[in-house]
Amino acid sequence: MATLYISLGSNINREENTRAGVAALEQAFGNLVLSSVYESEAVGFDGDAFYNMVIACEVDLPVHEANKVLRDIEDENGRDRSGPKFSSRTLDLDLLLYDDLIIDEKGLVLPRGEILKNAFVLWPLAEIAPDLVHPETGISYATLWQAFDKKKENLKPIVFAF
């Protein structure tokens, strides 16, 4: 079994799509560990605010198959891939970590670079896996979050019921 950490984001019908994404992940992978839901400004483009969270689960799928499940769930929830990379989206599911695997292949980079760059990824990851260590830096996510420049992004936890 491998432990996956997945970033979920949505800024189109974000409440509905966040719930749908979590339900689809639960159907695909079983028991999930959910972070709080955070509201963040769009990063890299002008757009509506996002709901973001991080989800952990255990799977017995190879890394590429697990990543394909995420792409399929996005597609089933109306993800439009025809626009620019940084644009509004119904559902964005990014594989952040697959155990401590380090991989850099076309279409799959682990650990995902956004972990160290974006508060909307690091804060919820530190919330559910504070003692887990980043496979490249060797630093725990709690320590990384503590040192993160929190003025860089406007991010706040919200009350969200599933």
Protein backbone atom coordinates (compact mmCIF):
# COMPACT_ATOMS: atom_id res chain seq x y z
CA MET A 1 0.00 0.00 0.00
CA ALA A 2 1.15 3.51 -0.84
CA THR A 3 0.03 6.71 0.85
CA LEU A 4 -1.10 9.42 -1.54
CA TYR A 5 -1.49 13.10 -0.80
CA ILE A 6 -3.74 14.89 -3.26
CA SER A 7 -4.41 18.59 -3.64
CA LEU A 8 -8.01 19.43 -4.56
CA GLY A 9 -9.01 22.83 -5.89
CA SER A 10 -12.06 24.38 -7.53
CA ASN A 11 -13.17 27.88 -8.46
CA ILE A 12 -16.19 27.04 -10.62
CA ASN A 13 -19.25 26.00 -8.59
CA ARG A 14 -16.61 25.39 -5.97
CA GLU A 15 -18.83 24.08 -3.17
CA GLU A 16 -20.54 21.54 -5.42
CA ASN A 17 -17.31 20.50 -7.16
CA THR A 18 -15.32 20.20 -3.93
CA ARG A 19 -17.96 17.85 -2.54
CA ALA A 20 -18.13 15.90 -5.81
CA GLY A 21 -14.34 15.56 -5.93
CA VAL A 22 -14.15 14.23 -2.38
CA ALA A 23 -17.02 11.80 -3.05
CA ALA A 24 -15.32 10.52 -6.22
CA LEU A 25 -11.98 10.08 -4.42
CA GLU A 26 -13.72 8.19 -1.63
CA GLN A 27 -15.41 5.93 -4.17
CA ALA A 28 -12.11 5.31 -5.97
CA PHE A 29 -9.78 4.94 -2.98
CA GLY A 30 -11.88 4.26 0.14
CA ASN A 31 -11.13 5.96 3.45
CA LEU A 32 -9.83 9.50 3.16
CA VAL A 33 -8.14 11.90 5.54
CA LEU A 34 -9.35 15.43 4.80
CA SER A 35 -7.75 18.74 5.65
CA SER A 36 -9.83 21.80 6.31
CA VAL A 37 -11.08 23.64 3.24
CA TYR A 38 -9.30 26.92 2.53
CA GLU A 39 -10.31 29.83 0.37
CA SER A 40 -7.53 31.36 -1.71
CA GLU A 41 -7.15 33.92 -4.43
CA ALA A 42 -6.42 32.62 -7.91
CA VAL A 43 -2.65 32.28 -8.40
CA GLY A 44 -1.12 32.91 -11.83
CA PHE A 45 -4.24 34.46 -13.40
CA ASP A 46 -7.19 36.74 -12.68
CA GLY A 47 -10.14 34.60 -11.65
CA ASP A 48 -12.61 33.77 -8.93
CA ALA A 49 -11.31 32.57 -5.56
CA PHE A 50 -10.63 28.86 -5.11
CA TYR A 51 -11.56 26.34 -2.49
CA ASN A 52 -8.53 24.18 -1.76
CA MET A 53 -7.75 21.24 0.47
CA VAL A 54 -5.41 18.25 0.75
CA ILE A 55 -6.56 14.66 0.99
CA ALA A 56 -4.61 11.59 2.08
CA CYS A 57 -5.47 7.98 1.28
CA GLU A 58 -3.87 4.60 0.86
CA VAL A 59 -3.90 2.75 -2.44
CA ASP A 60 -2.45 -0.39 -3.91
CA LEU A 61 -2.13 1.11 -7.40
CA PRO A 62 1.12 1.96 -9.16
CA VAL A 63 1.83 5.69 -9.24
CA HIS A 64 0.85 6.23 -12.90
CA GLU A 65 -2.45 4.38 -12.45
CA ALA A 66 -3.26 6.42 -9.34
CA ASN A 67 -2.50 9.62 -11.26
CA LYS A 68 -4.77 8.46 -14.11
CA VAL A 69 -7.62 7.96 -11.65
CA LEU A 70 -7.22 11.61 -10.66
CA ARG A 71 -7.32 12.77 -14.31
CA ASP A 72 -10.41 10.62 -14.93
CA ILE A 73 -12.20 12.13 -11.91
CA GLU A 74 -11.37 15.63 -13.15
CA ASP A 75 -12.76 14.78 -16.60
CA GLU A 76 -15.92 13.24 -15.12
CA ASN A 77 -16.45 16.51 -13.25
CA GLY A 78 -16.25 18.74 -16.30
CA ARG A 79 -12.57 19.69 -16.32
CA ASP A 80 -11.81 21.67 -19.47
CA ARG A 81 -8.18 21.23 -20.55
CA SER A 82 -8.45 23.35 -23.70
CA GLY A 83 -7.61 26.67 -22.02
CA PRO A 84 -4.38 28.07 -20.64
CA LYS A 85 -2.54 26.19 -17.87
CA PHE A 86 -3.49 28.81 -15.29
CA SER A 87 -7.25 29.24 -15.62
CA SER A 88 -10.53 28.64 -13.82
CA ARG A 89 -11.46 25.01 -13.30
CA THR A 90 -14.30 22.88 -12.05
CA LEU A 91 -11.95 20.45 -10.35
CA ASP A 92 -8.19 20.24 -10.08
CA LEU A 93 -6.70 17.11 -8.51
CA ASP A 94 -2.92 17.06 -8.24
CA LEU A 95 -0.92 14.16 -6.92
CA LEU A 96 1.44 15.80 -4.43
CA LEU A 97 3.12 12.76 -2.91
CA TYR A 98 3.18 9.02 -3.46
CA ASP A 99 4.96 7.73 -0.35
CA ASP A 100 8.44 9.27 -0.58
CA LEU A 101 8.82 8.66 -4.32
CA ILE A 102 10.92 11.17 -6.24
CA ILE A 103 10.10 11.14 -9.94
CA ASP A 104 10.40 13.59 -12.84
CA GLU A 105 8.78 12.28 -15.99
CA LYS A 106 6.65 13.90 -18.64
CA GLY A 107 3.30 14.53 -17.02
CA LEU A 108 4.34 13.50 -13.51
CA VAL A 109 6.69 15.19 -11.07
CA LEU A 110 6.81 14.05 -7.44
CA PRO A 111 7.00 15.55 -4.96
CA ARG A 112 4.93 18.25 -6.60
CA GLY A 113 6.69 21.63 -6.69
CA GLU A 114 3.59 23.50 -5.50
CA ILE A 115 4.13 22.04 -2.03
CA LEU A 116 7.00 24.45 -1.41
CA LYS A 117 5.57 27.37 -3.42
CA ASN A 118 1.89 27.73 -2.55
CA ALA A 119 0.26 28.27 0.83
CA PHE A 120 -2.96 26.66 -0.44
CA VAL A 121 -1.03 23.39 -0.77
CA LEU A 122 1.45 23.58 2.11
CA TRP A 123 -0.93 24.72 4.88
CA PRO A 124 -3.50 21.92 4.42
CA LEU A 125 -0.69 19.37 3.92
CA ALA A 126 0.96 20.52 7.15
CA GLU A 127 -2.43 20.27 8.85
CA ILE A 128 -2.95 16.56 8.07
CA ALA A 129 0.71 15.42 7.92
CA PRO A 130 2.69 17.80 10.15
CA ASP A 131 5.46 15.32 10.97
CA LEU A 132 5.80 13.88 7.48
CA VAL A 133 9.10 14.86 5.88
CA HIS A 134 9.43 16.29 2.38
CA PRO A 135 11.40 13.64 0.43
CA GLU A 136 13.81 16.16 -1.12
CA THR A 137 14.31 18.77 1.62
CA GLY A 138 14.20 16.39 4.59
CA ILE A 139 12.12 18.98 6.47
CA SER A 140 8.72 18.29 8.04
CA TYR A 141 5.66 19.96 6.56
CA ALA A 142 4.92 21.64 9.91
CA THR A 143 8.39 23.21 9.89
CA LEU A 144 8.07 24.21 6.24
CA TRP A 145 4.71 25.85 6.96
CA GLN A 146 6.07 27.63 10.02
CA ALA A 147 8.87 29.15 7.90
CA PHE A 148 6.60 29.96 4.92
CA ASP A 149 6.05 33.63 3.99
CA LYS A 150 2.37 33.84 4.83
CA LYS A 151 2.04 37.37 3.38
CA LYS A 152 2.62 35.95 -0.09
CA GLU A 153 -0.97 34.69 -0.52
CA ASN A 154 -4.34 35.57 0.94
CA LEU A 155 -5.53 32.25 2.37
CA LYS A 156 -8.10 31.49 5.05
CA PRO A 157 -9.75 28.35 6.41
CA ILE A 158 -13.51 28.25 5.97
CA VAL A 159 -16.33 26.30 7.57
CA PHE A 160 -17.26 23.57 5.11
CA ALA A 161 -19.53 20.59 5.72
CA PHE A 162 -19.31 17.44 3.62
